[in-house]
């Protein structure tokens, strides 16, 4: 599993916001977390569209969490920015090719058809489910409190 830079920055920004009582400007978050301002702005817009953060207007405005940090999971943040990350997924290039040009399962390096019930696929599906379940149990609030104690 590989988390994108967008998700990494998003998690850092959300943790920064979780440690505050009010909104923070993009500039403040960028400075505190040492993140590029322009890219952070795009990340925060994505989080706003997903309902993770909200934008407050005015002189005391900025971004704030849309719900309490304890009610927000790491999985929600990750999936808002990167979609549902999967350990087990089909190569994307097959979806865009006509059937005559599609790469076979064997040629793509898959041990058996992705929708079969062979043991390899079952292990990978179990890993996907465990990943989502584990990250869903980790709240942003608990991560922020761990960060504060350091």
N, C-alpha and C. Protein backbone atom coordinates (compact mmCIF):
# COMPACT_ATOMS: atom_id res chain seq x y z
N UNK A 1 0.84 -1.17 0.00
CA UNK A 1 0.00 0.00 0.00
C UNK A 1 0.89 1.24 0.00
N UNK A 2 0.54 2.18 -0.81
CA UNK A 2 1.30 3.42 -0.88
C UNK A 2 0.33 4.57 -0.72
N UNK A 3 0.63 5.44 0.23
CA UNK A 3 -0.21 6.62 0.45
C UNK A 3 0.40 7.77 -0.33
N UNK A 4 -0.44 8.53 -1.00
CA UNK A 4 0.03 9.63 -1.82
C UNK A 4 0.50 10.81 -0.96
N UNK A 5 1.26 11.68 -1.58
CA UNK A 5 1.70 12.90 -0.91
C UNK A 5 0.48 13.72 -0.50
N UNK A 6 -0.53 13.74 -1.35
CA UNK A 6 -1.77 14.48 -1.06
C UNK A 6 -2.39 13.98 0.26
N UNK A 7 -2.46 12.68 0.43
CA UNK A 7 -3.03 12.11 1.65
C UNK A 7 -2.14 12.37 2.85
N UNK A 8 -0.84 12.25 2.67
CA UNK A 8 0.10 12.52 3.76
C UNK A 8 -0.04 13.97 4.23
N UNK A 9 -0.08 14.91 3.31
CA UNK A 9 -0.26 16.31 3.67
C UNK A 9 -1.64 16.53 4.30
N UNK A 10 -2.65 15.86 3.76
CA UNK A 10 -4.00 16.00 4.30
C UNK A 10 -4.08 15.53 5.74
N UNK A 11 -3.46 14.39 6.04
CA UNK A 11 -3.45 13.89 7.42
C UNK A 11 -2.73 14.87 8.34
N UNK A 12 -1.62 15.40 7.89
CA UNK A 12 -0.88 16.37 8.72
C UNK A 12 -1.70 17.62 8.96
N UNK A 13 -2.39 18.11 7.93
CA UNK A 13 -3.22 19.31 8.08
C UNK A 13 -4.38 19.04 9.03
N UNK A 14 -5.03 17.89 8.90
CA UNK A 14 -6.15 17.54 9.77
C UNK A 14 -5.68 17.41 11.22
N UNK A 15 -4.52 16.82 11.44
CA UNK A 15 -3.97 16.73 12.80
C UNK A 15 -3.65 18.10 13.36
N UNK A 16 -3.14 18.98 12.53
CA UNK A 16 -2.87 20.36 12.95
C UNK A 16 -4.17 21.04 13.38
N UNK A 17 -5.22 20.88 12.59
CA UNK A 17 -6.52 21.48 12.91
C UNK A 17 -7.12 20.86 14.17
N UNK A 18 -6.87 19.58 14.39
CA UNK A 18 -7.42 18.88 15.56
C UNK A 18 -6.83 19.43 16.86
N UNK A 19 -5.67 20.04 16.78
CA UNK A 19 -5.02 20.57 17.97
C UNK A 19 -5.45 22.00 18.29
N UNK A 20 -6.33 22.55 17.48
CA UNK A 20 -6.78 23.94 17.65
C UNK A 20 -8.24 24.00 18.06
N UNK A 21 -8.61 25.10 18.72
CA UNK A 21 -10.00 25.33 19.10
C UNK A 21 -10.78 26.07 18.03
N UNK A 22 -10.08 26.72 17.13
CA UNK A 22 -10.75 27.50 16.09
C UNK A 22 -10.10 27.29 14.75
N UNK A 23 -10.56 28.03 13.76
CA UNK A 23 -10.01 27.87 12.41
C UNK A 23 -8.56 28.36 12.30
N UNK A 24 -7.85 27.78 11.35
CA UNK A 24 -6.49 28.20 11.04
C UNK A 24 -6.41 28.56 9.56
N UNK A 25 -5.62 29.56 9.25
CA UNK A 25 -5.42 29.92 7.85
C UNK A 25 -4.53 28.88 7.18
N UNK A 26 -4.61 28.84 5.87
CA UNK A 26 -3.75 27.93 5.11
C UNK A 26 -2.29 28.27 5.39
N UNK A 27 -1.99 29.55 5.46
CA UNK A 27 -0.63 30.00 5.71
C UNK A 27 -0.11 29.45 7.05
N UNK A 28 -0.94 29.52 8.09
CA UNK A 28 -0.54 29.04 9.41
C UNK A 28 -0.28 27.54 9.39
N UNK A 29 -1.18 26.79 8.77
CA UNK A 29 -1.01 25.33 8.68
C UNK A 29 0.26 25.02 7.89
N UNK A 30 0.45 25.70 6.76
CA UNK A 30 1.63 25.46 5.92
C UNK A 30 2.92 25.73 6.69
N UNK A 31 2.94 26.81 7.47
CA UNK A 31 4.14 27.15 8.25
C UNK A 31 4.38 26.13 9.36
N UNK A 32 3.34 25.80 10.11
CA UNK A 32 3.50 24.86 11.22
C UNK A 32 3.94 23.48 10.75
N UNK A 33 3.38 23.04 9.65
CA UNK A 33 3.67 21.69 9.16
C UNK A 33 4.76 21.65 8.09
N UNK A 34 5.26 22.83 7.73
CA UNK A 34 6.30 22.95 6.69
C UNK A 34 5.85 22.28 5.39
N UNK A 35 4.66 22.69 4.94
CA UNK A 35 4.07 22.17 3.71
C UNK A 35 3.96 23.28 2.68
N UNK A 36 4.02 22.94 1.39
CA UNK A 36 3.88 23.96 0.35
C UNK A 36 2.46 24.54 0.33
N UNK A 37 2.37 25.85 0.43
CA UNK A 37 1.09 26.56 0.54
C UNK A 37 0.12 26.23 -0.59
N UNK A 38 0.58 26.32 -1.84
CA UNK A 38 -0.29 26.10 -2.99
C UNK A 38 -0.87 24.69 -3.03
N UNK A 39 -0.03 23.72 -2.76
CA UNK A 39 -0.50 22.33 -2.79
C UNK A 39 -1.43 22.06 -1.61
N UNK A 40 -1.09 22.61 -0.45
CA UNK A 40 -1.93 22.45 0.74
C UNK A 40 -3.33 23.02 0.49
N UNK A 41 -3.39 24.12 -0.22
CA UNK A 41 -4.69 24.73 -0.54
C UNK A 41 -5.57 23.75 -1.33
N UNK A 42 -4.98 23.07 -2.30
CA UNK A 42 -5.73 22.08 -3.09
C UNK A 42 -6.16 20.90 -2.23
N UNK A 43 -5.29 20.47 -1.34
CA UNK A 43 -5.61 19.35 -0.45
C UNK A 43 -6.78 19.72 0.46
N UNK A 44 -6.73 20.92 1.02
CA UNK A 44 -7.80 21.37 1.91
C UNK A 44 -9.12 21.54 1.16
N UNK A 45 -9.06 21.95 -0.09
CA UNK A 45 -10.29 22.04 -0.89
C UNK A 45 -10.91 20.65 -1.07
N UNK A 46 -10.07 19.65 -1.30
CA UNK A 46 -10.56 18.28 -1.41
C UNK A 46 -11.18 17.79 -0.11
N UNK A 47 -10.55 18.14 1.01
CA UNK A 47 -11.10 17.76 2.31
C UNK A 47 -12.41 18.48 2.60
N UNK A 48 -12.52 19.72 2.13
CA UNK A 48 -13.77 20.47 2.31
C UNK A 48 -14.89 19.83 1.50
N UNK A 49 -14.61 19.48 0.27
CA UNK A 49 -15.62 18.83 -0.57
C UNK A 49 -16.09 17.51 0.02
N UNK A 50 -15.20 16.83 0.73
CA UNK A 50 -15.53 15.54 1.35
C UNK A 50 -16.22 15.71 2.70
N UNK A 51 -16.32 16.95 3.18
CA UNK A 51 -16.97 17.19 4.47
C UNK A 51 -16.09 16.94 5.68
N UNK A 52 -14.78 16.86 5.47
CA UNK A 52 -13.84 16.63 6.57
C UNK A 52 -13.52 17.95 7.28
N UNK A 53 -13.31 18.99 6.49
CA UNK A 53 -13.05 20.33 7.04
C UNK A 53 -14.09 21.29 6.48
N UNK A 54 -14.19 22.43 7.13
CA UNK A 54 -15.05 23.49 6.62
C UNK A 54 -14.27 24.79 6.59
N UNK A 55 -14.62 25.64 5.65
CA UNK A 55 -13.95 26.93 5.49
C UNK A 55 -14.78 27.99 6.20
N UNK A 56 -14.11 28.80 7.00
CA UNK A 56 -14.75 29.90 7.71
C UNK A 56 -14.25 31.20 7.09
N UNK A 57 -15.18 32.09 6.78
CA UNK A 57 -14.81 33.37 6.16
C UNK A 57 -14.59 34.43 7.23
N UNK A 58 -13.92 35.50 6.82
CA UNK A 58 -13.71 36.63 7.71
C UNK A 58 -12.29 36.72 8.21
N UNK A 59 -12.04 37.75 9.02
CA UNK A 59 -10.68 38.00 9.52
C UNK A 59 -10.20 36.89 10.44
N UNK A 60 -11.10 36.27 11.17
CA UNK A 60 -10.72 35.16 12.05
C UNK A 60 -11.03 33.82 11.38
N UNK A 61 -11.12 33.84 10.06
CA UNK A 61 -11.50 32.64 9.31
C UNK A 61 -10.34 31.72 9.03
N UNK A 62 -10.61 30.76 8.22
CA UNK A 62 -9.63 29.75 7.85
C UNK A 62 -10.33 28.41 7.75
N UNK A 63 -9.60 27.36 8.01
CA UNK A 63 -10.16 26.01 7.96
C UNK A 63 -10.26 25.45 9.37
N UNK A 64 -11.32 24.67 9.59
CA UNK A 64 -11.52 23.97 10.86
C UNK A 64 -12.11 22.60 10.54
N UNK A 65 -11.99 21.67 11.47
CA UNK A 65 -12.61 20.37 11.28
C UNK A 65 -14.12 20.53 11.23
N UNK A 66 -14.78 19.77 10.38
CA UNK A 66 -16.23 19.86 10.23
C UNK A 66 -16.96 19.10 11.33
N UNK A 67 -16.25 18.21 12.02
CA UNK A 67 -16.84 17.49 13.15
C UNK A 67 -15.76 17.25 14.19
N UNK A 68 -16.13 16.85 15.39
CA UNK A 68 -15.11 16.65 16.43
C UNK A 68 -14.04 15.64 15.99
N UNK A 69 -12.81 15.91 16.40
CA UNK A 69 -11.68 15.06 16.02
C UNK A 69 -11.87 13.61 16.45
N UNK A 70 -12.52 13.39 17.58
CA UNK A 70 -12.76 12.02 18.06
C UNK A 70 -13.75 11.27 17.18
N UNK A 71 -14.58 12.00 16.44
CA UNK A 71 -15.59 11.38 15.57
C UNK A 71 -15.09 11.20 14.14
N UNK A 72 -13.85 11.57 13.89
CA UNK A 72 -13.26 11.50 12.55
C UNK A 72 -12.16 10.44 12.55
N UNK A 73 -12.25 9.49 11.63
CA UNK A 73 -11.25 8.42 11.59
C UNK A 73 -10.16 8.70 10.56
N UNK A 74 -9.02 8.08 10.78
CA UNK A 74 -7.92 8.18 9.81
C UNK A 74 -8.38 7.65 8.45
N UNK A 75 -9.20 6.60 8.45
CA UNK A 75 -9.71 6.03 7.20
C UNK A 75 -10.54 7.04 6.43
N UNK A 76 -11.36 7.83 7.13
CA UNK A 76 -12.18 8.84 6.45
C UNK A 76 -11.31 9.85 5.71
N UNK A 77 -10.24 10.28 6.36
CA UNK A 77 -9.34 11.27 5.75
C UNK A 77 -8.63 10.65 4.55
N UNK A 78 -8.10 9.46 4.72
CA UNK A 78 -7.38 8.79 3.64
C UNK A 78 -8.29 8.53 2.45
N UNK A 79 -9.46 7.98 2.70
CA UNK A 79 -10.35 7.65 1.58
C UNK A 79 -10.94 8.90 0.94
N UNK A 80 -11.04 10.00 1.69
CA UNK A 80 -11.53 11.26 1.10
C UNK A 80 -10.55 11.78 0.05
N UNK A 81 -9.27 11.57 0.28
CA UNK A 81 -8.26 12.11 -0.62
C UNK A 81 -7.77 11.12 -1.68
N UNK A 82 -7.67 9.86 -1.32
CA UNK A 82 -7.12 8.86 -2.24
C UNK A 82 -8.14 7.81 -2.67
N UNK A 83 -9.37 7.96 -2.25
CA UNK A 83 -10.34 6.91 -2.53
C UNK A 83 -10.08 5.75 -1.59
N UNK A 84 -10.78 4.68 -1.78
CA UNK A 84 -10.57 3.51 -0.92
C UNK A 84 -9.31 2.79 -1.36
N UNK A 85 -8.26 2.99 -0.60
CA UNK A 85 -6.99 2.36 -0.91
C UNK A 85 -7.13 0.85 -0.73
N UNK A 86 -6.65 0.12 -1.69
CA UNK A 86 -6.74 -1.33 -1.65
C UNK A 86 -5.36 -1.93 -1.84
N UNK A 87 -5.08 -2.97 -1.10
CA UNK A 87 -3.87 -3.75 -1.33
C UNK A 87 -4.09 -4.62 -2.56
N UNK A 88 -5.33 -5.05 -2.74
CA UNK A 88 -5.71 -5.97 -3.80
C UNK A 88 -6.61 -5.25 -4.79
N UNK A 89 -6.11 -5.02 -6.00
CA UNK A 89 -6.95 -4.41 -7.03
C UNK A 89 -6.43 -4.81 -8.41
N UNK A 90 -7.32 -4.73 -9.37
CA UNK A 90 -6.94 -5.05 -10.75
C UNK A 90 -6.09 -3.95 -11.35
N UNK A 91 -5.19 -4.30 -12.26
CA UNK A 91 -4.48 -3.26 -12.98
C UNK A 91 -5.48 -2.38 -13.73
N UNK A 92 -5.32 -1.08 -13.62
CA UNK A 92 -6.26 -0.13 -14.23
C UNK A 92 -6.25 -0.18 -15.75
N UNK A 93 -5.13 -0.53 -16.37
CA UNK A 93 -5.05 -0.44 -17.83
C UNK A 93 -6.02 -1.40 -18.53
N UNK A 94 -6.42 -2.49 -17.91
CA UNK A 94 -7.35 -3.42 -18.54
C UNK A 94 -8.74 -2.81 -18.71
N UNK A 95 -9.13 -1.91 -17.85
CA UNK A 95 -10.47 -1.34 -17.90
C UNK A 95 -10.68 -0.47 -19.14
N UNK A 96 -9.60 0.05 -19.70
CA UNK A 96 -9.72 0.98 -20.82
C UNK A 96 -9.45 0.32 -22.17
N UNK A 97 -9.02 -0.91 -22.14
CA UNK A 97 -8.68 -1.60 -23.39
C UNK A 97 -9.84 -2.44 -23.89
N UNK A 98 -9.98 -2.57 -25.22
CA UNK A 98 -10.97 -3.50 -25.74
C UNK A 98 -10.58 -4.93 -25.34
N UNK A 99 -11.55 -5.81 -25.27
CA UNK A 99 -11.31 -7.19 -24.82
C UNK A 99 -10.17 -7.86 -25.58
N UNK A 100 -10.05 -7.58 -26.86
CA UNK A 100 -9.01 -8.22 -27.67
C UNK A 100 -7.60 -7.77 -27.27
N UNK A 101 -7.49 -6.62 -26.66
CA UNK A 101 -6.18 -6.06 -26.29
C UNK A 101 -5.89 -6.19 -24.80
N UNK A 102 -6.86 -6.61 -24.01
CA UNK A 102 -6.68 -6.68 -22.56
C UNK A 102 -5.58 -7.68 -22.20
N UNK A 103 -4.84 -7.36 -21.16
CA UNK A 103 -3.78 -8.22 -20.68
C UNK A 103 -4.41 -9.34 -19.87
N UNK A 104 -3.95 -10.56 -20.08
CA UNK A 104 -4.50 -11.68 -19.33
C UNK A 104 -4.10 -11.57 -17.86
N UNK A 105 -4.86 -12.25 -17.02
CA UNK A 105 -4.58 -12.27 -15.59
C UNK A 105 -3.16 -12.79 -15.36
N UNK A 106 -2.78 -13.84 -16.03
CA UNK A 106 -1.45 -14.42 -15.85
C UNK A 106 -0.36 -13.45 -16.31
N UNK A 107 -0.58 -12.78 -17.44
CA UNK A 107 0.41 -11.83 -17.95
C UNK A 107 0.55 -10.62 -17.04
N UNK A 108 -0.52 -10.27 -16.34
CA UNK A 108 -0.47 -9.14 -15.43
C UNK A 108 0.17 -9.51 -14.10
N UNK A 109 0.49 -10.78 -13.92
CA UNK A 109 1.15 -11.20 -12.70
C UNK A 109 0.21 -11.66 -11.60
N UNK A 110 -1.06 -11.82 -11.92
CA UNK A 110 -2.02 -12.28 -10.92
C UNK A 110 -2.02 -13.80 -10.91
N UNK A 111 -2.02 -14.42 -9.73
CA UNK A 111 -1.96 -15.87 -9.64
C UNK A 111 -3.26 -16.57 -10.06
N UNK A 112 -4.38 -15.89 -9.97
CA UNK A 112 -5.66 -16.46 -10.37
C UNK A 112 -6.63 -15.31 -10.66
N UNK A 113 -7.74 -15.57 -11.35
CA UNK A 113 -8.67 -14.49 -11.68
C UNK A 113 -9.08 -13.71 -10.43
N UNK A 114 -9.15 -12.38 -10.53
CA UNK A 114 -9.39 -11.55 -9.36
C UNK A 114 -10.72 -11.79 -8.65
N UNK A 115 -11.71 -12.31 -9.33
CA UNK A 115 -12.99 -12.53 -8.66
C UNK A 115 -13.21 -13.99 -8.29
N UNK A 116 -12.18 -14.80 -8.42
CA UNK A 116 -12.30 -16.20 -8.04
C UNK A 116 -12.12 -16.32 -6.53
N UNK A 117 -12.24 -17.51 -6.03
CA UNK A 117 -12.12 -17.73 -4.60
C UNK A 117 -10.84 -18.48 -4.24
N UNK A 118 -9.82 -18.33 -5.04
CA UNK A 118 -8.58 -19.02 -4.72
C UNK A 118 -7.98 -18.40 -3.45
N UNK A 119 -7.14 -19.15 -2.78
CA UNK A 119 -6.63 -18.74 -1.47
C UNK A 119 -5.82 -17.45 -1.53
N UNK A 120 -5.07 -17.24 -2.58
CA UNK A 120 -4.29 -16.01 -2.69
C UNK A 120 -5.19 -14.79 -2.67
N UNK A 121 -6.25 -14.83 -3.46
CA UNK A 121 -7.18 -13.69 -3.49
C UNK A 121 -7.86 -13.50 -2.14
N UNK A 122 -8.20 -14.59 -1.48
CA UNK A 122 -8.87 -14.48 -0.17
C UNK A 122 -7.95 -13.82 0.85
N UNK A 123 -6.67 -14.14 0.82
CA UNK A 123 -5.71 -13.52 1.73
C UNK A 123 -5.64 -12.02 1.47
N UNK A 124 -5.56 -11.64 0.20
CA UNK A 124 -5.46 -10.23 -0.16
C UNK A 124 -6.74 -9.47 0.19
N UNK A 125 -7.89 -10.09 -0.01
CA UNK A 125 -9.15 -9.46 0.37
C UNK A 125 -9.22 -9.28 1.89
N UNK A 126 -8.73 -10.26 2.64
CA UNK A 126 -8.71 -10.16 4.10
C UNK A 126 -7.80 -9.02 4.54
N UNK A 127 -6.66 -8.86 3.86
CA UNK A 127 -5.77 -7.74 4.17
C UNK A 127 -6.46 -6.40 3.93
N UNK A 128 -7.17 -6.29 2.81
CA UNK A 128 -7.92 -5.06 2.52
C UNK A 128 -8.92 -4.75 3.62
N UNK A 129 -9.67 -5.76 4.03
CA UNK A 129 -10.69 -5.56 5.06
C UNK A 129 -10.05 -5.18 6.40
N UNK A 130 -8.93 -5.82 6.73
CA UNK A 130 -8.24 -5.52 7.99
C UNK A 130 -7.67 -4.10 7.97
N UNK A 131 -7.13 -3.70 6.85
CA UNK A 131 -6.60 -2.34 6.72
C UNK A 131 -7.70 -1.31 6.97
N UNK A 132 -8.81 -1.45 6.28
CA UNK A 132 -9.91 -0.50 6.44
C UNK A 132 -10.45 -0.52 7.86
N UNK A 133 -10.64 -1.71 8.42
CA UNK A 133 -11.16 -1.82 9.78
C UNK A 133 -10.22 -1.16 10.79
N UNK A 134 -8.92 -1.41 10.66
CA UNK A 134 -7.94 -0.85 11.59
C UNK A 134 -7.89 0.67 11.51
N UNK A 135 -7.84 1.21 10.30
CA UNK A 135 -7.76 2.66 10.14
C UNK A 135 -9.07 3.34 10.52
N UNK A 136 -10.18 2.63 10.43
CA UNK A 136 -11.47 3.19 10.84
C UNK A 136 -11.57 3.32 12.36
N UNK A 137 -10.78 2.53 13.07
CA UNK A 137 -10.79 2.56 14.54
C UNK A 137 -9.86 3.62 15.13
N UNK A 138 -9.02 4.20 14.30
CA UNK A 138 -8.07 5.22 14.77
C UNK A 138 -8.68 6.59 14.54
N UNK A 139 -8.97 7.29 15.63
CA UNK A 139 -9.57 8.62 15.48
C UNK A 139 -8.49 9.68 15.33
N UNK A 140 -8.84 10.73 14.63
CA UNK A 140 -7.94 11.87 14.48
C UNK A 140 -7.65 12.46 15.87
N UNK A 141 -8.66 12.46 16.73
CA UNK A 141 -8.47 12.97 18.09
C UNK A 141 -7.41 12.21 18.86
N UNK A 142 -7.41 10.87 18.74
CA UNK A 142 -6.41 10.08 19.45
C UNK A 142 -5.02 10.31 18.87
N UNK A 143 -4.93 10.46 17.56
CA UNK A 143 -3.63 10.78 16.95
C UNK A 143 -3.12 12.14 17.40
N UNK A 144 -4.03 13.11 17.46
CA UNK A 144 -3.64 14.46 17.88
C UNK A 144 -3.17 14.47 19.33
N UNK A 145 -3.85 13.71 20.20
CA UNK A 145 -3.44 13.69 21.60
C UNK A 145 -2.09 12.99 21.76
N UNK A 146 -1.82 11.97 20.96
CA UNK A 146 -0.51 11.32 20.98
C UNK A 146 0.57 12.29 20.53
N UNK A 147 0.25 13.08 19.51
CA UNK A 147 1.20 14.05 19.00
C UNK A 147 1.47 15.13 20.04
N UNK A 148 0.44 15.55 20.77
CA UNK A 148 0.59 16.58 21.81
C UNK A 148 1.45 16.10 22.96
N UNK A 149 1.43 14.80 23.25
CA UNK A 149 2.18 14.27 24.39
C UNK A 149 3.67 14.11 24.09
N UNK A 150 4.06 14.32 22.84
CA UNK A 150 5.49 14.18 22.48
C UNK A 150 6.23 15.47 22.67
